[in-house]
Amino acid sequence: MHASRSANGVAHLLTTEGIKRMEQTYLMNGVPSFANAVV
């Protein structure tokens, strides 16, 4: 499987922020506010 560099960056951001905040992220209703600048 291949993901573009920008998509990988968003995945990395979601993961690291989720770990910092001790929460899980589900993208059912859009992108979290901290990821909007990257998307």
PDB file of N, CA and C in Angstrom:
ATOM      1  N   MET A   1       0.847  -1.173   0.000  1.00  0.00           N
ATOM      2  CA  MET A   1       0.000   0.000   0.000  1.00  0.00           C
ATOM      3  C   MET A   1       0.897   1.242   0.000  1.00  0.00           C
ATOM      4  N   HIS A   2       0.472   2.265  -0.710  1.00  0.00           N
ATOM      5  CA  HIS A   2       1.233   3.506  -0.805  1.00  0.00           C
ATOM      6  C   HIS A   2       0.345   4.678  -0.401  1.00  0.00           C
ATOM      7  N   ALA A   3       0.891   5.575   0.392  1.00  0.00           N
ATOM      8  CA  ALA A   3       0.187   6.806   0.762  1.00  0.00           C
ATOM      9  C   ALA A   3       1.087   7.981   0.402  1.00  0.00           C
ATOM     10  N   SER A   4       0.474   9.053  -0.048  1.00  0.00           N
ATOM     11  CA  SER A   4       1.265  10.235  -0.381  1.00  0.00           C
ATOM     12  C   SER A   4       1.917  10.790   0.883  1.00  0.00           C
ATOM     13  N   ARG A   5       2.952  11.557   0.695  1.00  0.00           N
ATOM     14  CA  ARG A   5       3.666  12.139   1.835  1.00  0.00           C
ATOM     15  C   ARG A   5       2.738  13.013   2.677  1.00  0.00           C
ATOM     16  N   SER A   6       1.877  13.798   2.027  1.00  0.00           N
ATOM     17  CA  SER A   6       0.975  14.668   2.789  1.00  0.00           C
ATOM     18  C   SER A   6      -0.051  13.853   3.568  1.00  0.00           C
ATOM     19  N   ALA A   7      -0.558  12.790   2.979  1.00  0.00           N
ATOM     20  CA  ALA A   7      -1.511  11.934   3.698  1.00  0.00           C
ATOM     21  C   ALA A   7      -0.829  11.267   4.880  1.00  0.00           C
ATOM     22  N   ASN A   8       0.413  10.850   4.698  1.00  0.00           N
ATOM     23  CA  ASN A   8       1.158  10.246   5.789  1.00  0.00           C
ATOM     24  C   ASN A   8       1.390  11.264   6.905  1.00  0.00           C
ATOM     25  N   GLY A   9       1.620  12.515   6.539  1.00  0.00           N
ATOM     26  CA  GLY A   9       1.809  13.568   7.537  1.00  0.00           C
ATOM     27  C   GLY A   9       0.561  13.786   8.367  1.00  0.00           C
ATOM     28  N   VAL A  10      -0.596  13.748   7.727  1.00  0.00           N
ATOM     29  CA  VAL A  10      -1.864  13.905   8.448  1.00  0.00           C
ATOM     30  C   VAL A  10      -2.068  12.723   9.386  1.00  0.00           C
ATOM     31  N   ALA A  11      -1.795  11.517   8.912  1.00  0.00           N
ATOM     32  CA  ALA A  11      -1.930  10.328   9.758  1.00  0.00           C
ATOM     33  C   ALA A  11      -1.004  10.424  10.966  1.00  0.00           C
ATOM     34  N   HIS A  12       0.210  10.890  10.741  1.00  0.00           N
ATOM     35  CA  HIS A  12       1.170  11.038  11.836  1.00  0.00           C
ATOM     36  C   HIS A  12       0.677  12.079  12.845  1.00  0.00           C
ATOM     37  N   LEU A  13       0.169  13.201  12.356  1.00  0.00           N
ATOM     38  CA  LEU A  13      -0.348  14.247  13.236  1.00  0.00           C
ATOM     39  C   LEU A  13      -1.514  13.731  14.070  1.00  0.00           C
ATOM     40  N   LEU A  14      -2.455  13.041  13.441  1.00  0.00           N
ATOM     41  CA  LEU A  14      -3.601  12.505  14.176  1.00  0.00           C
ATOM     42  C   LEU A  14      -3.151  11.529  15.261  1.00  0.00           C
ATOM     43  N   THR A  15      -2.175  10.712  14.934  1.00  0.00           N
ATOM     44  CA  THR A  15      -1.677   9.736  15.903  1.00  0.00           C
ATOM     45  C   THR A  15      -0.959  10.405  17.062  1.00  0.00           C
ATOM     46  N   THR A  16      -0.031  11.308  16.767  1.00  0.00           N
ATOM     47  CA  THR A  16       0.739  11.932  17.845  1.00  0.00           C
ATOM     48  C   THR A  16      -0.141  12.811  18.730  1.00  0.00           C
ATOM     49  N   GLU A  17      -1.073  13.548  18.142  1.00  0.00           N
ATOM     50  CA  GLU A  17      -1.980  14.364  18.951  1.00  0.00           C
ATOM     51  C   GLU A  17      -2.906  13.483  19.786  1.00  0.00           C
ATOM     52  N   GLY A  18      -3.353  12.382  19.220  1.00  0.00           N
ATOM     53  CA  GLY A  18      -4.194  11.457  19.976  1.00  0.00           C
ATOM     54  C   GLY A  18      -3.474  10.891  21.180  1.00  0.00           C
ATOM     55  N   ILE A  19      -2.197  10.568  21.012  1.00  0.00           N
ATOM     56  CA  ILE A  19      -1.401  10.057  22.132  1.00  0.00           C
ATOM     57  C   ILE A  19      -1.221  11.145  23.186  1.00  0.00           C
ATOM     58  N   LYS A  20      -0.893  12.363  22.759  1.00  0.00           N
ATOM     59  CA  LYS A  20      -0.709  13.470  23.703  1.00  0.00           C
ATOM     60  C   LYS A  20      -1.983  13.742  24.496  1.00  0.00           C
ATOM     61  N   ARG A  21      -3.124  13.706  23.813  1.00  0.00           N
ATOM     62  CA  ARG A  21      -4.410  14.027  24.445  1.00  0.00           C
ATOM     63  C   ARG A  21      -5.064  12.812  25.093  1.00  0.00           C
ATOM     64  N   MET A  22      -4.434  11.649  24.916  1.00  0.00           N
ATOM     65  CA  MET A  22      -4.963  10.390  25.442  1.00  0.00           C
ATOM     66  C   MET A  22      -6.396  10.149  24.968  1.00  0.00           C
ATOM     67  N   GLU A  23      -6.617  10.327  23.661  1.00  0.00           N
ATOM     68  CA  GLU A  23      -7.941  10.103  23.081  1.00  0.00           C
ATOM     69  C   GLU A  23      -7.803   9.481  21.699  1.00  0.00           C
ATOM     70  N   GLN A  24      -8.883   8.921  21.214  1.00  0.00           N
ATOM     71  CA  GLN A  24      -8.912   8.339  19.883  1.00  0.00           C
ATOM     72  C   GLN A  24      -9.609   9.308  18.938  1.00  0.00           C
ATOM     73  N   THR A  25      -9.253   9.244  17.661  1.00  0.00           N
ATOM     74  CA  THR A  25      -9.845  10.125  16.665  1.00  0.00           C
ATOM     75  C   THR A  25     -10.584   9.301  15.624  1.00  0.00           C
ATOM     76  N   TYR A  26     -11.831   9.637  15.396  1.00  0.00           N
ATOM     77  CA  TYR A  26     -12.621   9.030  14.337  1.00  0.00           C
ATOM     78  C   TYR A  26     -13.020  10.144  13.386  1.00  0.00           C
ATOM     79  N   LEU A  27     -12.815   9.944  12.093  1.00  0.00           N
ATOM     80  CA  LEU A  27     -13.043  11.004  11.112  1.00  0.00           C
ATOM     81  C   LEU A  27     -14.415  10.905  10.465  1.00  0.00           C
ATOM     82  N   MET A  28     -15.419  10.558  11.235  1.00  0.00           N
ATOM     83  CA  MET A  28     -16.755  10.393  10.669  1.00  0.00           C
ATOM     84  C   MET A  28     -17.414  11.731  10.358  1.00  0.00           C
ATOM     85  N   ASN A  29     -17.115  12.764  11.114  1.00  0.00           N
ATOM     86  CA  ASN A  29     -17.771  14.057  10.928  1.00  0.00           C
ATOM     87  C   ASN A  29     -16.785  15.161  10.583  1.00  0.00           C
ATOM     88  N   GLY A  30     -15.704  14.812   9.924  1.00  0.00           N
ATOM     89  CA  GLY A  30     -14.744  15.826   9.525  1.00  0.00           C
ATOM     90  C   GLY A  30     -13.406  15.659  10.214  1.00  0.00           C
ATOM     91  N   VAL A  31     -12.568  16.646  10.031  1.00  0.00           N
ATOM     92  CA  VAL A  31     -11.199  16.620  10.534  1.00  0.00           C
ATOM     93  C   VAL A  31     -11.126  17.424  11.824  1.00  0.00           C
ATOM     94  N   PRO A  32     -10.395  16.940  12.829  1.00  0.00           N
ATOM     95  CA  PRO A  32     -10.240  17.712  14.065  1.00  0.00           C
ATOM     96  C   PRO A  32      -9.587  19.065  13.784  1.00  0.00           C
ATOM     97  N   SER A  33      -9.883  20.045  14.612  1.00  0.00           N
ATOM     98  CA  SER A  33      -9.396  21.406  14.377  1.00  0.00           C
ATOM     99  C   SER A  33      -7.879  21.485  14.304  1.00  0.00           C
ATOM    100  N   PHE A  34      -7.154  20.681  15.092  1.00  0.00           N
ATOM    101  CA  PHE A  34      -5.698  20.749  15.062  1.00  0.00           C
ATOM    102  C   PHE A  34      -5.117  20.231  13.751  1.00  0.00           C
ATOM    103  N   ALA A  35      -5.894  19.505  12.958  1.00  0.00           N
ATOM    104  CA  ALA A  35      -5.400  18.962  11.691  1.00  0.00           C
ATOM    105  C   ALA A  35      -5.850  19.782  10.485  1.00  0.00           C
ATOM    106  N   ASN A  36      -6.725  20.752  10.676  1.00  0.00           N
ATOM    107  CA  ASN A  36      -7.239  21.547   9.555  1.00  0.00           C
ATOM    108  C   ASN A  36      -6.139  22.238   8.757  1.00  0.00           C
ATOM    109  N   ALA A  37      -5.127  22.753   9.419  1.00  0.00           N
ATOM    110  CA  ALA A  37      -4.055  23.461   8.715  1.00  0.00           C
ATOM    111  C   ALA A  37      -3.264  22.534   7.806  1.00  0.00           C
ATOM    112  N   VAL A  38      -3.161  21.275   8.177  1.00  0.00           N
ATOM    113  CA  VAL A  38      -2.394  20.313   7.384  1.00  0.00           C
ATOM    114  C   VAL A  38      -3.205  19.813   6.201  1.00  0.00           C
ATOM    115  N   VAL A  39      -4.500  19.691   6.381  1.00  0.00           N
ATOM    116  CA  VAL A  39      -5.376  19.182   5.322  1.00  0.00           C
ATOM    117  C   VAL A  39      -5.665  20.307   4.404  1.00  0.00           C
TER     118      VAL A  39
END
